[in-house]
Amino acid sequence: MTVADTGQMGEQVQFKAGDTIYEQESASEGVYMILDGQVEIWRHEGDTGHHIASLRGGELLGEVSVIERKRHSVTAKASKATTALFISADAFRKSFADPLVRHVVHTLATRLRSSYAIKEAIEGTTEPKAHHFKSTKPTIEGHSRMVADKLLTFVELEEFPFTVGNIASADGHCVIGATSLKVPLKGVHELTDNHFEIVRRDGALWIRDLGSMQGTLVNGEKLSKYAMNATAKLRTGRNHVIAGGPDSPVRFLIMIPPKDDL
């Protein structure tokens, strides 16, 4: 992170892709107004990661914790090179006479409306409604902290077959192509170089294990060349995919929106 003084308004800060802006449960020191770039909001429950939102230029970050004088309830990470204006907590609280407060109220109202869907999705009590999907296309994201820390955000699935596997990456970030996702997990043997693929068949999407040593779990169903099945159909909504066995830290979430034109 780099910092530039902008006077009384605050400090201009810059983050590289992959930088953590603040961690869940860390002390709230101020508010960030995103000027350019993209920030991902994550909530971690143990080793499970939940991607809450993607924030871009013009949006505020961390204002709820400052207003409520509480620790951060989520983790914020830059998924692209990001420039933001950092305003200290004290300065932000004094600014409520400023028109900026209208932006704050709008932001809080928007997040409040979506918080119920987020809570339901985390607890698994219901399937998210159509308007809570991140995209009209199928998406894949990390569902364990190990994968989320590398992938940072979600990936739209547009071309099939789409292959997922391990890779050696110098910068430690995922390599994302039109038909593949490679996650750099050195020494993590649960995820092989070409572990599973997502294929389109009979108007639906399926997972196919590609002969990995430890297999693939899809919504609790074991796929392997040594098991009864090597493929499993993905359902509308949330699909939990694990590379390896039930205790593997390599976990993905694949979202299939309703009425997707497959």
C-alpha atoms as a PDB file:
ATOM      1  CA  MET A   1       0.000   0.000   0.000  1.00  0.00           C
ATOM      2  CA  THR A   2       1.226   3.523  -0.792  1.00  0.00           C
ATOM      3  CA  VAL A   3      -0.041   6.764   0.790  1.00  0.00           C
ATOM      4  CA  ALA A   4      -0.240  10.351  -0.515  1.00  0.00           C
ATOM      5  CA  ASP A   5      -1.321  13.336   1.592  1.00  0.00           C
ATOM      6  CA  THR A   6      -4.301  15.208   0.098  1.00  0.00           C
ATOM      7  CA  GLY A   7      -4.746  17.763   2.851  1.00  0.00           C
ATOM      8  CA  GLN A   8      -7.771  18.074   5.121  1.00  0.00           C
ATOM      9  CA  MET A   9      -9.878  15.668   3.043  1.00  0.00           C
ATOM     10  CA  GLY A  10      -7.700  12.731   4.009  1.00  0.00           C
ATOM     11  CA  GLU A  11      -5.000  10.585   2.482  1.00  0.00           C
ATOM     12  CA  GLN A  12      -4.962   8.988  -0.941  1.00  0.00           C
ATOM     13  CA  VAL A  13      -3.954   5.351  -0.651  1.00  0.00           C
ATOM     14  CA  GLN A  14      -3.132   2.799  -3.313  1.00  0.00           C
ATOM     15  CA  PHE A  15      -3.386  -0.984  -3.137  1.00  0.00           C
ATOM     16  CA  LYS A  16      -2.078  -3.670  -5.442  1.00  0.00           C
ATOM     17  CA  ALA A  17      -4.208  -6.621  -6.522  1.00  0.00           C
ATOM     18  CA  GLY A  18      -4.246  -9.063  -3.614  1.00  0.00           C
ATOM     19  CA  ASP A  19      -3.574  -6.442  -0.903  1.00  0.00           C
ATOM     20  CA  THR A  20      -5.706  -6.694   2.229  1.00  0.00           C
ATOM     21  CA  ILE A  21      -7.269  -3.345   3.112  1.00  0.00           C
ATOM     22  CA  TYR A  22      -8.522  -4.597   6.462  1.00  0.00           C
ATOM     23  CA  GLU A  23      -9.170  -7.944   8.112  1.00  0.00           C
ATOM     24  CA  GLN A  24     -12.348  -9.210   9.710  1.00  0.00           C
ATOM     25  CA  GLU A  25     -12.345  -8.430  13.467  1.00  0.00           C
ATOM     26  CA  SER A  26      -9.625  -5.766  13.088  1.00  0.00           C
ATOM     27  CA  ALA A  27     -10.094  -2.332  14.652  1.00  0.00           C
ATOM     28  CA  SER A  28     -11.930   0.244  12.551  1.00  0.00           C
ATOM     29  CA  GLU A  29      -9.669   3.229  11.928  1.00  0.00           C
ATOM     30  CA  GLY A  30     -11.497   5.031   9.148  1.00  0.00           C
ATOM     31  CA  VAL A  31     -13.491   4.994   5.918  1.00  0.00           C
ATOM     32  CA  TYR A  32     -12.286   4.412   2.382  1.00  0.00           C
ATOM     33  CA  MET A  33     -13.892   6.085  -0.615  1.00  0.00           C
ATOM     34  CA  ILE A  34     -12.911   4.066  -3.666  1.00  0.00           C
ATOM     35  CA  LEU A  35     -11.711   6.335  -6.457  1.00  0.00           C
ATOM     36  CA  ASP A  36     -10.677   3.655  -8.925  1.00  0.00           C
ATOM     37  CA  GLY A  37     -10.271  -0.115  -8.952  1.00  0.00           C
ATOM     38  CA  GLN A  38     -12.210  -2.921  -7.312  1.00  0.00           C
ATOM     39  CA  VAL A  39     -12.484  -4.242  -3.747  1.00  0.00           C
ATOM     40  CA  GLU A  40     -13.927  -7.599  -2.709  1.00  0.00           C
ATOM     41  CA  ILE A  41     -15.820  -8.037   0.557  1.00  0.00           C
ATOM     42  CA  TRP A  42     -15.456 -11.423   2.264  1.00  0.00           C
ATOM     43  CA  ARG A  43     -16.776 -12.898   5.473  1.00  0.00           C
ATOM     44  CA  HIS A  44     -15.022 -15.918   6.948  1.00  0.00           C
ATOM     45  CA  GLU A  45     -16.730 -18.483   9.131  1.00  0.00           C
ATOM     46  CA  GLY A  46     -13.860 -20.658  10.322  1.00  0.00           C
ATOM     47  CA  ASP A  47     -12.113 -21.820   7.137  1.00  0.00           C
ATOM     48  CA  THR A  48     -15.160 -21.121   4.956  1.00  0.00           C
ATOM     49  CA  GLY A  49     -15.174 -17.948   2.878  1.00  0.00           C
ATOM     50  CA  HIS A  50     -18.332 -16.115   1.753  1.00  0.00           C
ATOM     51  CA  HIS A  51     -17.956 -13.563  -1.030  1.00  0.00           C
ATOM     52  CA  ILE A  52     -20.374 -10.778  -0.071  1.00  0.00           C
ATOM     53  CA  ALA A  53     -19.884  -8.045  -2.667  1.00  0.00           C
ATOM     54  CA  SER A  54     -17.616  -6.317  -5.181  1.00  0.00           C
ATOM     55  CA  LEU A  55     -17.204  -2.559  -4.664  1.00  0.00           C
ATOM     56  CA  ARG A  56     -15.958  -0.153  -7.323  1.00  0.00           C
ATOM     57  CA  GLY A  57     -15.242   3.540  -7.891  1.00  0.00           C
ATOM     58  CA  GLY A  58     -17.564   5.917  -6.036  1.00  0.00           C
ATOM     59  CA  GLU A  59     -18.480   3.471  -3.273  1.00  0.00           C
ATOM     60  CA  LEU A  60     -17.645   3.648   0.423  1.00  0.00           C
ATOM     61  CA  LEU A  61     -15.862   1.006   2.412  1.00  0.00           C
ATOM     62  CA  GLY A  62     -15.793   0.539   6.189  1.00  0.00           C
ATOM     63  CA  GLU A  63     -18.376   3.205   7.038  1.00  0.00           C
ATOM     64  CA  VAL A  64     -20.651   0.848   9.001  1.00  0.00           C
ATOM     65  CA  SER A  65     -17.904  -0.082  11.466  1.00  0.00           C
ATOM     66  CA  VAL A  66     -16.964   3.574  11.956  1.00  0.00           C
ATOM     67  CA  ILE A  67     -20.541   4.706  12.552  1.00  0.00           C
ATOM     68  CA  GLU A  68     -21.268   1.844  14.973  1.00  0.00           C
ATOM     69  CA  ARG A  69     -17.788   2.115  16.583  1.00  0.00           C
ATOM     70  CA  LYS A  70     -17.274  -1.623  16.138  1.00  0.00           C
ATOM     71  CA  ARG A  71     -14.597  -3.865  14.720  1.00  0.00           C
ATOM     72  CA  HIS A  72     -14.834  -4.832  11.063  1.00  0.00           C
ATOM     73  CA  SER A  73     -17.270  -7.682  10.473  1.00  0.00           C
ATOM     74  CA  VAL A  74     -15.758  -8.523   7.067  1.00  0.00           C
ATOM     75  CA  THR A  75     -12.427  -8.644   5.233  1.00  0.00           C
ATOM     76  CA  ALA A  76     -11.768  -6.227   2.356  1.00  0.00           C
ATOM     77  CA  LYS A  77      -9.262  -7.098  -0.381  1.00  0.00           C
ATOM     78  CA  ALA A  78      -8.301  -5.343  -3.594  1.00  0.00           C
ATOM     79  CA  SER A  79      -8.858  -7.569  -6.627  1.00  0.00           C
ATOM     80  CA  LYS A  80      -7.442  -4.927  -8.981  1.00  0.00           C
ATOM     81  CA  ALA A  81      -5.013  -2.050  -8.556  1.00  0.00           C
ATOM     82  CA  THR A  82      -7.109   0.315  -6.425  1.00  0.00           C
ATOM     83  CA  THR A  83      -6.896   3.971  -5.420  1.00  0.00           C
ATOM     84  CA  ALA A  84      -8.983   5.201  -2.478  1.00  0.00           C
ATOM     85  CA  LEU A  85      -9.357   8.227  -0.247  1.00  0.00           C
ATOM     86  CA  PHE A  86      -8.858   7.297   3.400  1.00  0.00           C
ATOM     87  CA  ILE A  87     -10.759   9.450   5.917  1.00  0.00           C
ATOM     88  CA  SER A  88     -10.025   8.885   9.606  1.00  0.00           C
ATOM     89  CA  ALA A  89     -12.867   7.744  11.855  1.00  0.00           C
ATOM     90  CA  ASP A  90     -12.962  11.027  13.806  1.00  0.00           C
ATOM     91  CA  ALA A  91     -12.941  13.150  10.663  1.00  0.00           C
ATOM     92  CA  PHE A  92     -15.672  11.039   9.097  1.00  0.00           C
ATOM     93  CA  ARG A  93     -17.964  11.313  12.123  1.00  0.00           C
ATOM     94  CA  LYS A  94     -17.559  15.103  12.059  1.00  0.00           C
ATOM     95  CA  SER A  95     -18.572  15.230   8.396  1.00  0.00           C
ATOM     96  CA  PHE A  96     -22.251  14.445   8.889  1.00  0.00           C
ATOM     97  CA  ALA A  97     -23.116  18.064   8.197  1.00  0.00           C
ATOM     98  CA  ASP A  98     -21.562  17.542   4.775  1.00  0.00           C
ATOM     99  CA  PRO A  99     -23.563  16.312   1.732  1.00  0.00           C
ATOM    100  CA  LEU A 100     -21.448  13.165   1.943  1.00  0.00           C
ATOM    101  CA  VAL A 101     -23.925  11.944   4.558  1.00  0.00           C
ATOM    102  CA  ARG A 102     -26.515  11.388   1.839  1.00  0.00           C
ATOM    103  CA  HIS A 103     -24.136   9.013   0.119  1.00  0.00           C
ATOM    104  CA  VAL A 104     -23.577   7.213   3.417  1.00  0.00           C
ATOM    105  CA  VAL A 105     -27.306   6.776   4.035  1.00  0.00           C
ATOM    106  CA  HIS A 106     -27.816   5.441   0.518  1.00  0.00           C
ATOM    107  CA  THR A 107     -24.952   2.973   0.933  1.00  0.00           C
ATOM    108  CA  LEU A 108     -26.233   1.747   4.287  1.00  0.00           C
ATOM    109  CA  ALA A 109     -29.764   1.314   2.968  1.00  0.00           C
ATOM    110  CA  THR A 110     -28.532  -0.715  -0.011  1.00  0.00           C
ATOM    111  CA  ARG A 111     -26.420  -2.997   2.156  1.00  0.00           C
ATOM    112  CA  LEU A 112     -29.219  -3.443   4.673  1.00  0.00           C
ATOM    113  CA  ARG A 113     -31.583  -4.606   1.945  1.00  0.00           C
ATOM    114  CA  SER A 114     -29.074  -7.227   0.809  1.00  0.00           C
ATOM    115  CA  SER A 115     -27.984  -8.326   4.294  1.00  0.00           C
ATOM    116  CA  TYR A 116     -30.933 -10.672   4.734  1.00  0.00           C
ATOM    117  CA  ALA A 117     -30.052 -12.558   1.548  1.00  0.00           C
ATOM    118  CA  ILE A 118     -26.409 -12.730   2.658  1.00  0.00           C
ATOM    119  CA  LYS A 119     -27.409 -14.130   6.046  1.00  0.00           C
ATOM    120  CA  GLU A 120     -29.650 -16.751   4.450  1.00  0.00           C
ATOM    121  CA  ALA A 121     -26.926 -17.760   2.007  1.00  0.00           C
ATOM    122  CA  ILE A 122     -24.320 -18.123   4.770  1.00  0.00           C
ATOM    123  CA  GLU A 123     -26.606 -20.132   7.029  1.00  0.00           C
ATOM    124  CA  GLY A 124     -27.846 -22.224   4.124  1.00  0.00           C
ATOM    125  CA  THR A 125     -31.490 -21.810   5.152  1.00  0.00           C
ATOM    126  CA  THR A 126     -32.690 -20.937   1.664  1.00  0.00           C
ATOM    127  CA  GLU A 127     -31.422 -20.684  -1.871  1.00  0.00           C
ATOM    128  CA  PRO A 128     -30.605 -17.093  -2.891  1.00  0.00           C
ATOM    129  CA  LYS A 129     -33.291 -15.447  -4.974  1.00  0.00           C
ATOM    130  CA  ALA A 130     -32.584 -14.606  -8.598  1.00  0.00           C
ATOM    131  CA  HIS A 131     -31.795 -10.943  -7.976  1.00  0.00           C
ATOM    132  CA  HIS A 132     -29.146 -11.883  -5.394  1.00  0.00           C
ATOM    133  CA  PHE A 133     -26.990 -13.745  -7.894  1.00  0.00           C
ATOM    134  CA  LYS A 134     -23.755 -11.961  -8.763  1.00  0.00           C
ATOM    135  CA  SER A 135     -24.267 -12.525 -12.479  1.00  0.00           C
ATOM    136  CA  THR A 136     -26.809 -13.795 -14.981  1.00  0.00           C
ATOM    137  CA  LYS A 137     -24.106 -16.312 -15.960  1.00  0.00           C
ATOM    138  CA  PRO A 138     -22.840 -19.279 -13.926  1.00  0.00           C
ATOM    139  CA  THR A 139     -19.984 -18.296 -11.622  1.00  0.00           C
ATOM    140  CA  ILE A 140     -17.222 -19.990  -9.645  1.00  0.00           C
ATOM    141  CA  GLU A 141     -15.483 -18.602  -6.550  1.00  0.00           C
ATOM    142  CA  GLY A 142     -13.411 -19.782  -3.623  1.00  0.00           C
ATOM    143  CA  HIS A 143     -15.390 -21.278  -0.750  1.00  0.00           C
ATOM    144  CA  SER A 144     -12.426 -21.936   1.537  1.00  0.00           C
ATOM    145  CA  ARG A 145     -10.065 -19.250   2.726  1.00  0.00           C
ATOM    146  CA  MET A 146      -7.147 -20.990   1.008  1.00  0.00           C
ATOM    147  CA  VAL A 147      -8.793 -20.659  -2.406  1.00  0.00           C
ATOM    148  CA  ALA A 148     -10.453 -17.285  -1.733  1.00  0.00           C
ATOM    149  CA  ASP A 149      -7.102 -15.697  -0.855  1.00  0.00           C
ATOM    150  CA  LYS A 150      -5.811 -16.659  -4.295  1.00  0.00           C
ATOM    151  CA  LEU A 151      -8.896 -16.130  -6.436  1.00  0.00           C
ATOM    152  CA  LEU A 152     -10.051 -12.906  -4.662  1.00  0.00           C
ATOM    153  CA  THR A 153     -13.343 -12.584  -6.594  1.00  0.00           C
ATOM    154  CA  PHE A 154     -15.779 -14.648  -8.657  1.00  0.00           C
ATOM    155  CA  VAL A 155     -15.293 -15.783 -12.252  1.00  0.00           C
ATOM    156  CA  GLU A 156     -18.071 -15.900 -14.827  1.00  0.00           C
ATOM    157  CA  LEU A 157     -18.344 -19.142 -16.790  1.00  0.00           C
ATOM    158  CA  GLU A 158     -19.060 -18.529 -20.451  1.00  0.00           C
ATOM    159  CA  GLU A 159     -17.153 -21.141 -22.469  1.00  0.00           C
ATOM    160  CA  PHE A 160     -17.174 -24.894 -21.924  1.00  0.00           C
ATOM    161  CA  PRO A 161     -15.549 -27.214 -21.108  1.00  0.00           C
ATOM    162  CA  PHE A 162     -14.008 -25.117 -18.313  1.00  0.00           C
ATOM    163  CA  THR A 163     -11.086 -26.774 -16.508  1.00  0.00           C
ATOM    164  CA  VAL A 164      -9.994 -26.174 -12.890  1.00  0.00           C
ATOM    165  CA  GLY A 165      -6.603 -27.209 -11.552  1.00  0.00           C
ATOM    166  CA  ASN A 166      -3.343 -26.331  -9.782  1.00  0.00           C
ATOM    167  CA  ILE A 167      -0.430 -24.312 -11.213  1.00  0.00           C
ATOM    168  CA  ALA A 168       2.918 -22.840 -10.225  1.00  0.00           C
ATOM    169  CA  SER A 169       2.509 -19.045 -10.380  1.00  0.00           C
ATOM    170  CA  ALA A 170       5.325 -16.596  -9.695  1.00  0.00           C
ATOM    171  CA  ASP A 171       3.076 -13.846  -8.321  1.00  0.00           C
ATOM    172  CA  GLY A 172       0.873 -16.202  -6.290  1.00  0.00           C
ATOM    173  CA  HIS A 173      -2.340 -15.221  -8.073  1.00  0.00           C
ATOM    174  CA  CYS A 174      -4.763 -17.349 -10.040  1.00  0.00           C
ATOM    175  CA  VAL A 175      -4.386 -17.660 -13.792  1.00  0.00           C
ATOM    176  CA  ILE A 176      -7.817 -17.165 -15.346  1.00  0.00           C
ATOM    177  CA  GLY A 177      -8.543 -17.901 -18.986  1.00  0.00           C
ATOM    178  CA  ALA A 178     -11.689 -18.180 -21.069  1.00  0.00           C
ATOM    179  CA  THR A 179     -11.793 -21.940 -20.524  1.00  0.00           C
ATOM    180  CA  SER A 180      -9.706 -22.531 -17.412  1.00  0.00           C
ATOM    181  CA  LEU A 181      -8.974 -21.517 -13.841  1.00  0.00           C
ATOM    182  CA  LYS A 182      -5.582 -22.379 -12.373  1.00  0.00           C
ATOM    183  CA  VAL A 183      -5.092 -21.867  -8.629  1.00  0.00           C
ATOM    184  CA  PRO A 184      -1.469 -21.640  -7.366  1.00  0.00           C
ATOM    185  CA  LEU A 185      -1.484 -23.987  -4.364  1.00  0.00           C
ATOM    186  CA  LYS A 186       2.100 -25.196  -4.032  1.00  0.00           C
ATOM    187  CA  GLY A 187       2.389 -28.350  -1.970  1.00  0.00           C
ATOM    188  CA  VAL A 188      -1.393 -28.816  -1.758  1.00  0.00           C
ATOM    189  CA  HIS A 189      -1.800 -32.280  -3.237  1.00  0.00           C
ATOM    190  CA  GLU A 190      -5.605 -32.349  -3.036  1.00  0.00           C
ATOM    191  CA  LEU A 191      -5.762 -30.149  -6.172  1.00  0.00           C
ATOM    192  CA  THR A 192      -4.021 -31.623  -9.223  1.00  0.00           C
ATOM    193  CA  ASP A 193      -2.914 -29.799 -12.367  1.00  0.00           C
ATOM    194  CA  ASN A 194      -6.094 -30.716 -14.257  1.00  0.00           C
ATOM    195  CA  HIS A 195      -8.505 -31.742 -11.532  1.00  0.00           C
ATOM    196  CA  PHE A 196     -12.058 -31.315 -12.804  1.00  0.00           C
ATOM    197  CA  GLU A 197     -13.936 -29.664 -15.621  1.00  0.00           C
ATOM    198  CA  ILE A 198     -17.337 -28.067 -16.031  1.00  0.00           C
ATOM    199  CA  VAL A 199     -19.100 -29.265 -19.168  1.00  0.00           C
ATOM    200  CA  ARG A 200     -22.363 -28.439 -20.882  1.00  0.00           C
ATOM    201  CA  ARG A 201     -24.624 -31.381 -21.680  1.00  0.00           C
ATOM    202  CA  ASP A 202     -28.347 -31.826 -22.304  1.00  0.00           C
ATOM    203  CA  GLY A 203     -29.135 -28.211 -21.440  1.00  0.00           C
ATOM    204  CA  ALA A 204     -27.368 -28.355 -18.061  1.00  0.00           C
ATOM    205  CA  LEU A 205     -23.909 -27.997 -16.546  1.00  0.00           C
ATOM    206  CA  TRP A 206     -22.033 -30.995 -15.155  1.00  0.00           C
ATOM    207  CA  ILE A 207     -18.809 -31.545 -13.208  1.00  0.00           C
ATOM    208  CA  ARG A 208     -16.455 -34.227 -14.509  1.00  0.00           C
ATOM    209  CA  ASP A 209     -13.496 -35.474 -12.491  1.00  0.00           C
ATOM    210  CA  LEU A 210     -10.435 -35.704 -14.758  1.00  0.00           C
ATOM    211  CA  GLY A 211      -8.846 -38.710 -13.102  1.00  0.00           C
ATOM    212  CA  SER A 212      -7.480 -36.915 -10.045  1.00  0.00           C
ATOM    213  CA  MET A 213      -5.854 -39.081  -7.386  1.00  0.00           C
ATOM    214  CA  GLN A 214      -8.180 -37.995  -4.556  1.00  0.00           C
ATOM    215  CA  GLY A 215     -11.328 -37.372  -6.572  1.00  0.00           C
ATOM    216  CA  THR A 216     -13.888 -34.563  -6.441  1.00  0.00           C
ATOM    217  CA  LEU A 217     -16.894 -34.027  -4.171  1.00  0.00           C
ATOM    218  CA  VAL A 218     -19.928 -32.295  -5.709  1.00  0.00           C
ATOM    219  CA  ASN A 219     -22.711 -31.488  -3.247  1.00  0.00           C
ATOM    220  CA  GLY A 220     -21.528 -34.439  -1.174  1.00  0.00           C
ATOM    221  CA  GLU A 221     -21.341 -36.895  -4.106  1.00  0.00           C
ATOM    222  CA  LYS A 222     -17.970 -38.534  -4.716  1.00  0.00           C
ATOM    223  CA  LEU A 223     -16.630 -38.388  -8.280  1.00  0.00           C
ATOM    224  CA  SER A 224     -13.584 -40.385  -9.301  1.00  0.00           C
ATOM    225  CA  LYS A 225     -12.372 -42.822 -11.909  1.00  0.00           C
ATOM    226  CA  TYR A 226     -12.320 -45.300  -9.023  1.00  0.00           C
ATOM    227  CA  ALA A 227     -15.895 -44.538  -7.894  1.00  0.00           C
ATOM    228  CA  MET A 228     -19.278 -45.336  -9.397  1.00  0.00           C
ATOM    229  CA  ASN A 229     -19.569 -41.933 -11.064  1.00  0.00           C
ATOM    230  CA  ALA A 230     -17.162 -39.548 -12.752  1.00  0.00           C
ATOM    231  CA  THR A 231     -19.786 -36.837 -13.463  1.00  0.00           C
ATOM    232  CA  ALA A 232     -22.474 -35.007 -11.483  1.00  0.00           C
ATOM    233  CA  LYS A 233     -25.140 -32.574 -12.634  1.00  0.00           C
ATOM    234  CA  LEU A 234     -25.044 -29.082 -11.130  1.00  0.00           C
ATOM    235  CA  ARG A 235     -28.294 -27.720  -9.722  1.00  0.00           C
ATOM    236  CA  THR A 236     -29.755 -24.238  -9.884  1.00  0.00           C
ATOM    237  CA  GLY A 237     -28.377 -22.150  -7.021  1.00  0.00           C
ATOM    238  CA  ARG A 238     -25.405 -23.079  -4.854  1.00  0.00           C
ATOM    239  CA  ASN A 239     -23.139 -26.020  -5.635  1.00  0.00           C
ATOM    240  CA  HIS A 240     -20.312 -27.015  -3.293  1.00  0.00           C
ATOM    241  CA  VAL A 241     -17.318 -28.551  -5.039  1.00  0.00           C
ATOM    242  CA  ILE A 242     -14.326 -29.952  -3.131  1.00  0.00           C
ATOM    243  CA  ALA A 243     -11.077 -31.102  -4.708  1.00  0.00           C
ATOM    244  CA  GLY A 244     -10.195 -34.190  -2.682  1.00  0.00           C
ATOM    245  CA  GLY A 245     -12.027 -35.633   0.308  1.00  0.00           C
ATOM    246  CA  PRO A 246     -14.415 -34.032   2.828  1.00  0.00           C
ATOM    247  CA  ASP A 247     -11.535 -32.574   4.886  1.00  0.00           C
ATOM    248  CA  SER A 248      -9.793 -30.967   1.910  1.00  0.00           C
ATOM    249  CA  PRO A 249      -9.135 -27.210   2.216  1.00  0.00           C
ATOM    250  CA  VAL A 250      -9.620 -26.779  -1.548  1.00  0.00           C
ATOM    251  CA  ARG A 251     -13.270 -25.822  -1.867  1.00  0.00           C
ATOM    252  CA  PHE A 252     -15.213 -23.929  -4.511  1.00  0.00           C
ATOM    253  CA  LEU A 253     -18.724 -22.510  -4.812  1.00  0.00           C
ATOM    254  CA  ILE A 254     -20.408 -22.682  -8.208  1.00  0.00           C
ATOM    255  CA  MET A 255     -23.580 -20.626  -8.639  1.00  0.00           C
ATOM    256  CA  ILE A 256     -26.071 -21.518 -11.372  1.00  0.00           C
ATOM    257  CA  PRO A 257     -28.667 -18.758 -11.911  1.00  0.00           C
ATOM    258  CA  PRO A 258     -32.251 -19.708 -12.734  1.00  0.00           C
ATOM    259  CA  LYS A 259     -33.351 -19.700 -16.368  1.00  0.00           C
ATOM    260  CA  ASP A 260     -29.749 -19.663 -17.489  1.00  0.00           C
ATOM    261  CA  ASP A 261     -29.526 -20.155 -21.249  1.00  0.00           C
ATOM    262  CA  LEU A 262     -27.224 -23.144 -21.282  1.00  0.00           C
END
